[in-house]
Amino acid sequence: MATEFYQNVVADFSGLEVQPPANPPDILSRYQFGRILGKGGFGIVYEGKRLEDGLEVAVKIARKPRKMQYISIPGHPAPLPLEVALLILVNNREPKVTQIVQLLDWQDELDYYIMVLERPLPCTDLRNFISLFRETLSEFGARLVMWQVTHAANACSASGVLHRDIKLENILINPQTLETKLIDFGCGDLLKKSAYNYFSGTREYRPPEFKTKGRYHGTPATVWSLGVLLFRIVFGHFPGPSELRVINSGTWNQPGLSHECRLLIQCLLQLDPSRRIGLEEILSHSWFQPLSP
């Protein structure tokens, strides 16, 4: 069964020159597989069920790029695929950060690495969820979602991880409880103090300093992406250049939006990264006070 499944994976990556291993991957024999949940340029995610206890999971089969990056992390004698290592780093925090998807199992292969991830039910991604509400959420709903996503972003930073692709499609949400989980660390990297000179996330969330200077720092870029996400959730579209200019002018006013929400958006979407609010300060902003314990 595992060999047949692996061959189906190869077929799903149509046109790619990959070969199944001589022996079926052990990890695949421990799960029952279902439909494709998502598919991108470097990976496919399947629904699955762990055979030993029936646990519902997601199985990601990721094709290795030509210059596959491996890194060493504490507790693991051999270097690990970058995405696997980043998830282990954020999952090892105590107490567990429930707003970040948990890595349950993984295996490295010649052409692929395989990750078994938790799959909360019911869930959909935030992009599909807000499409049910004419592309926007109420300010109450936006506050609840953003608090969780910001908490996840802070946990990543504290773990030395840069997610670099926080966006609607990478946030799972329970439509009944609005509980969220940050997923897909495939564009991520280790967080460093020096600047990055390449960007591998989603263009709409790219920090403006990368366009103007060709470089950016990880934490201010994360803050910018949270600002774009919040703007997209409450307005139903991404902020355009003219809107950003008004937001940065200090004269921005938006009827129907609370003063506190407008202030937070202004703090997040500063074109000058040195003027953005600190990532660790966001959850203390007045807009989140109704959610404070």
Protein backbone atom coordinates (compact mmCIF):
# COMPACT_ATOMS: atom_id res chain seq x y z
CA MET A 1 0.00 0.00 0.00
CA ALA A 2 2.82 2.40 0.90
CA THR A 3 4.61 1.79 -2.42
CA GLU A 4 1.40 2.44 -4.36
CA PHE A 5 0.78 5.61 -2.38
CA TYR A 6 4.30 6.88 -3.04
CA GLN A 7 3.83 6.24 -6.75
CA ASN A 8 0.62 8.26 -6.60
CA VAL A 9 2.59 11.09 -5.00
CA VAL A 10 5.02 11.00 -7.91
CA ALA A 11 2.06 11.15 -10.30
CA ASP A 12 0.61 14.10 -8.42
CA PHE A 13 3.88 15.95 -9.05
CA SER A 14 3.32 15.48 -12.78
CA GLY A 15 6.33 16.23 -14.94
CA LEU A 16 8.89 15.93 -12.14
CA GLU A 17 11.69 13.42 -12.45
CA VAL A 18 11.56 11.56 -9.15
CA GLN A 19 11.91 7.91 -8.30
CA PRO A 20 10.17 6.00 -5.50
CA PRO A 21 12.54 4.38 -3.01
CA ALA A 22 13.47 0.71 -3.37
CA ASN A 23 11.65 -0.01 -0.11
CA PRO A 24 8.39 1.74 0.88
CA PRO A 25 8.91 4.52 3.43
CA ASP A 26 8.14 3.10 6.88
CA ILE A 27 6.22 6.20 7.88
CA LEU A 28 3.64 5.71 5.15
CA SER A 29 2.76 2.22 6.36
CA ARG A 30 1.50 3.66 9.64
CA TYR A 31 -1.22 5.82 8.11
CA GLN A 32 -4.31 5.53 5.96
CA PHE A 33 -4.51 8.24 3.31
CA GLY A 34 -7.39 10.16 1.77
CA ARG A 35 -7.93 13.11 -0.54
CA ILE A 36 -5.53 15.92 -1.29
CA LEU A 37 -6.05 18.87 1.07
CA GLY A 38 -3.65 21.24 -0.65
CA LYS A 39 -1.01 21.36 -3.35
CA GLY A 40 1.80 23.79 -4.08
CA GLY A 41 4.99 24.03 -6.08
CA PHE A 42 7.04 21.99 -3.61
CA GLY A 43 4.54 19.92 -1.69
CA ILE A 44 1.23 18.10 -1.43
CA VAL A 45 -0.82 17.73 1.74
CA TYR A 46 -3.10 14.71 2.17
CA GLU A 47 -5.71 13.92 4.78
CA GLY A 48 -4.75 10.87 6.79
CA LYS A 49 -5.54 8.69 9.76
CA ARG A 50 -3.03 7.09 12.11
CA LEU A 51 -3.74 3.37 12.06
CA GLU A 52 -2.82 2.64 15.68
CA ASP A 53 -5.44 4.93 17.21
CA GLY A 54 -7.47 6.49 14.39
CA LEU A 55 -6.09 10.00 14.98
CA GLU A 56 -6.93 12.35 12.09
CA VAL A 57 -3.75 13.88 10.65
CA ALA A 58 -2.41 15.77 7.67
CA VAL A 59 0.53 14.29 5.73
CA LYS A 60 2.76 16.67 3.82
CA ILE A 61 5.06 15.26 1.14
CA ALA A 62 7.57 17.97 0.25
CA ARG A 63 9.84 17.74 -2.77
CA LYS A 64 13.41 18.75 -2.03
CA PRO A 65 14.76 21.69 -4.00
CA ARG A 66 18.14 21.34 -5.69
CA LYS A 67 19.85 23.28 -2.92
CA MET A 68 18.08 21.62 -0.03
CA GLN A 69 18.95 23.32 3.26
CA TYR A 70 19.69 21.23 6.32
CA ILE A 71 20.37 22.68 9.77
CA SER A 72 21.48 21.33 13.12
CA ILE A 73 19.41 21.95 16.24
CA PRO A 74 19.85 20.86 19.87
CA GLY A 75 18.79 17.32 20.66
CA HIS A 76 19.32 16.02 17.13
CA PRO A 77 22.78 14.69 16.23
CA ALA A 78 22.23 14.82 12.45
CA PRO A 79 21.20 17.90 10.42
CA LEU A 80 17.47 18.09 9.63
CA PRO A 81 15.51 19.48 6.66
CA LEU A 82 14.97 23.16 7.43
CA GLU A 83 11.16 23.04 7.60
CA VAL A 84 11.24 20.02 9.91
CA ALA A 85 13.80 21.69 12.18
CA LEU A 86 11.79 24.93 12.39
CA LEU A 87 8.64 23.06 13.43
CA ILE A 88 10.56 21.08 16.05
CA LEU A 89 11.97 24.32 17.48
CA VAL A 90 8.54 25.96 17.83
CA ASN A 91 6.85 22.75 19.01
CA ASN A 92 9.43 22.25 21.79
CA ARG A 93 8.28 25.33 23.70
CA GLU A 94 6.71 24.75 27.09
CA PRO A 95 3.89 25.22 27.60
CA LYS A 96 2.83 24.12 24.13
CA VAL A 97 1.68 26.86 21.81
CA THR A 98 -1.69 25.60 20.62
CA GLN A 99 -1.85 28.31 17.94
CA ILE A 100 0.94 26.58 15.97
CA VAL A 101 0.42 23.27 14.18
CA GLN A 102 2.12 20.31 15.88
CA LEU A 103 4.57 18.05 14.05
CA LEU A 104 3.71 14.46 15.03
CA ASP A 105 6.10 12.42 12.89
CA TRP A 106 8.53 12.88 10.00
CA GLN A 107 10.93 11.02 7.73
CA ASP A 108 13.65 12.05 5.30
CA GLU A 109 13.86 10.43 1.86
CA LEU A 110 16.11 10.89 -1.16
CA ASP A 111 13.81 13.19 -3.15
CA TYR A 112 11.24 14.08 -0.48
CA TYR A 113 10.77 14.64 3.20
CA ILE A 114 7.51 13.58 4.80
CA MET A 115 5.80 15.30 7.72
CA VAL A 116 2.80 14.11 9.69
CA LEU A 117 0.96 17.06 11.23
CA GLU A 118 -1.99 17.49 13.52
CA ARG A 119 -5.29 18.11 11.72
CA PRO A 120 -7.88 19.83 13.89
CA LEU A 121 -11.49 19.11 12.98
CA PRO A 122 -13.51 20.92 11.90
CA CYS A 123 -11.22 23.40 10.18
CA THR A 124 -10.66 25.37 7.01
CA ASP A 125 -8.12 27.99 6.08
CA LEU A 126 -8.82 31.62 6.89
CA ARG A 127 -9.04 32.53 3.19
CA ASN A 128 -11.95 30.16 2.66
CA PHE A 129 -13.56 31.14 5.94
CA ILE A 130 -13.74 34.88 5.26
CA SER A 131 -15.05 34.21 1.76
CA LEU A 132 -18.26 33.12 3.49
CA PHE A 133 -18.63 36.64 4.92
CA ARG A 134 -18.02 38.77 1.82
CA GLU A 135 -14.24 38.67 2.40
CA THR A 136 -14.27 40.44 5.78
CA LEU A 137 -14.74 39.71 9.46
CA SER A 138 -16.36 41.86 12.10
CA GLU A 139 -13.96 43.75 14.30
CA PHE A 140 -14.76 41.32 17.11
CA GLY A 141 -13.87 38.34 14.94
CA ALA A 142 -10.78 40.06 13.56
CA ARG A 143 -9.56 40.82 17.09
CA LEU A 144 -9.94 37.20 18.19
CA VAL A 145 -8.15 35.86 15.10
CA MET A 146 -5.35 38.43 15.21
CA TRP A 147 -4.69 37.83 18.91
CA GLN A 148 -4.06 34.15 18.19
CA VAL A 149 -1.96 34.73 15.08
CA THR A 150 0.13 37.37 16.85
CA HIS A 151 0.64 35.00 19.78
CA ALA A 152 1.89 32.37 17.30
CA ALA A 153 4.21 34.91 15.65
CA ASN A 154 5.65 35.86 19.05
CA ALA A 155 6.22 32.19 19.89
CA CYS A 156 8.06 31.70 16.60
CA SER A 157 10.28 34.69 17.32
CA ALA A 158 11.00 33.51 20.86
CA SER A 159 11.99 30.13 19.42
CA GLY A 160 14.43 31.70 16.97
CA VAL A 161 12.19 30.99 13.98
CA LEU A 162 11.12 33.31 11.14
CA HIS A 163 7.92 32.01 9.53
CA ARG A 164 8.05 34.56 6.68
CA ASP A 165 4.70 33.59 5.13
CA ILE A 166 1.99 34.55 7.61
CA LYS A 167 -1.09 34.91 5.41
CA LEU A 168 -4.74 33.90 5.13
CA GLU A 169 -3.98 30.57 3.48
CA ASN A 170 -1.51 29.56 6.20
CA ILE A 171 -3.93 30.01 9.07
CA LEU A 172 -6.33 27.18 9.91
CA ILE A 173 -9.50 28.18 11.69
CA ASN A 174 -12.20 26.22 13.45
CA PRO A 175 -15.40 27.79 12.02
CA GLN A 176 -17.33 26.98 15.19
CA THR A 177 -14.91 28.29 17.84
CA LEU A 178 -12.65 30.61 15.77
CA GLU A 179 -9.60 28.86 17.21
CA THR A 180 -6.66 29.22 14.81
CA LYS A 181 -3.37 27.48 14.02
CA LEU A 182 -0.40 28.78 12.04
CA ILE A 183 0.78 26.25 9.46
CA ASP A 184 3.33 25.80 6.64
CA PHE A 185 6.86 26.76 7.60
CA GLY A 186 8.15 25.95 4.12
CA CYS A 187 9.21 29.58 3.48
CA GLY A 188 10.75 29.95 6.92
CA ASP A 189 14.29 30.36 8.20
CA LEU A 190 16.19 30.73 11.43
CA LEU A 191 15.62 34.19 12.84
CA LYS A 192 18.78 36.30 12.85
CA LYS A 193 19.67 39.83 13.91
CA SER A 194 21.29 40.72 10.59
CA ALA A 195 19.31 41.54 7.45
CA TYR A 196 17.98 39.10 4.87
CA ASN A 197 18.61 39.88 1.21
CA TYR A 198 16.09 37.46 -0.27
CA PHE A 199 12.35 36.96 0.24
CA SER A 200 10.51 33.69 -0.24
CA GLY A 201 7.06 34.48 1.14
CA THR A 202 3.96 35.87 -0.60
CA ARG A 203 4.31 39.11 -2.54
CA GLU A 204 1.28 40.90 -1.07
CA TYR A 205 2.79 40.54 2.43
CA ARG A 206 6.35 41.51 1.45
CA PRO A 207 7.81 44.37 3.53
CA PRO A 208 8.29 47.60 1.55
CA GLU A 209 11.94 47.95 2.57
CA PHE A 210 12.79 44.86 0.54
CA LYS A 211 11.46 46.58 -2.59
CA THR A 212 13.27 49.85 -1.88
CA LYS A 213 16.53 48.57 -0.37
CA GLY A 214 16.69 44.88 -1.28
CA ARG A 215 16.98 43.83 2.36
CA TYR A 216 14.86 43.56 5.50
CA HIS A 217 15.04 42.35 9.09
CA GLY A 218 12.94 39.43 10.20
CA THR A 219 11.00 40.84 13.14
CA PRO A 220 9.89 44.15 11.54
CA ALA A 221 8.93 42.16 8.43
CA THR A 222 6.75 39.89 10.58
CA VAL A 223 5.08 42.96 12.09
CA TRP A 224 4.38 44.29 8.57
CA SER A 225 2.82 40.97 7.51
CA LEU A 226 0.52 41.06 10.55
CA GLY A 227 -0.54 44.56 9.53
CA VAL A 228 -1.32 43.44 5.99
CA LEU A 229 -3.26 40.47 7.39
CA LEU A 230 -5.33 42.67 9.72
CA PHE A 231 -6.04 45.19 6.95
CA ARG A 232 -7.08 42.36 4.59
CA ILE A 233 -9.40 40.83 7.19
CA VAL A 234 -11.27 44.03 8.07
CA PHE A 235 -11.37 45.68 4.62
CA GLY A 236 -11.53 42.70 2.25
CA HIS A 237 -8.55 43.79 0.12
CA PHE A 238 -4.83 44.39 0.46
CA PRO A 239 -3.64 47.93 1.22
CA GLY A 240 -2.67 49.84 -1.93
CA PRO A 241 0.08 52.48 -2.24
CA SER A 242 -2.32 55.41 -1.84
CA GLU A 243 -3.92 53.86 1.26
CA LEU A 244 -0.50 53.23 2.78
CA ARG A 245 0.49 56.85 2.21
CA VAL A 246 -2.62 58.07 4.02
CA ILE A 247 -2.10 55.58 6.85
CA ASN A 248 1.47 56.83 7.25
CA SER A 249 0.45 60.49 7.08
CA GLY A 250 -1.27 60.33 10.46
CA THR A 251 -4.52 61.72 9.03
CA TRP A 252 -6.15 58.38 8.20
CA ASN A 253 -9.74 57.95 9.29
CA GLN A 254 -12.05 55.06 8.56
CA PRO A 255 -15.75 55.23 9.51
CA GLY A 256 -17.07 52.05 11.09
CA LEU A 257 -13.70 51.04 12.52
CA SER A 258 -12.80 51.66 16.15
CA HIS A 259 -10.15 54.23 17.01
CA GLU A 260 -8.03 51.51 18.66
CA CYS A 261 -8.12 49.28 15.57
CA ARG A 262 -7.10 52.17 13.33
CA LEU A 263 -4.22 53.01 15.67
CA LEU A 264 -2.96 49.41 15.62
CA ILE A 265 -3.09 49.26 11.83
CA GLN A 266 -1.08 52.49 11.70
CA CYS A 267 1.48 51.05 14.14
CA LEU A 268 1.83 47.88 12.06
CA LEU A 269 1.89 49.37 8.56
CA GLN A 270 4.62 51.97 8.98
CA LEU A 271 6.65 52.15 5.76
CA ASP A 272 9.75 52.90 7.83
CA PRO A 273 10.51 49.64 9.70
CA SER A 274 12.15 51.54 12.57
CA ARG A 275 8.78 53.20 13.30
CA ARG A 276 6.74 49.98 13.48
CA ILE A 277 5.48 48.69 16.78
CA GLY A 278 7.63 45.94 18.30
CA LEU A 279 6.34 42.42 17.78
CA GLU A 280 6.36 41.75 21.52
CA GLU A 281 4.33 44.95 22.12
CA ILE A 282 1.39 44.15 19.83
CA LEU A 283 -0.61 42.01 22.27
CA SER A 284 -0.38 44.82 24.85
CA HIS A 285 -2.03 47.27 22.46
CA SER A 286 -5.31 48.79 23.63
CA TRP A 287 -7.22 47.10 20.81
CA PHE A 288 -6.62 43.73 22.47
CA GLN A 289 -7.67 44.84 25.96
CA PRO A 290 -11.12 43.19 25.74
CA LEU A 291 -9.30 39.84 25.42
CA SER A 292 -6.97 40.42 28.38
CA PRO A 293 -7.40 37.94 31.28
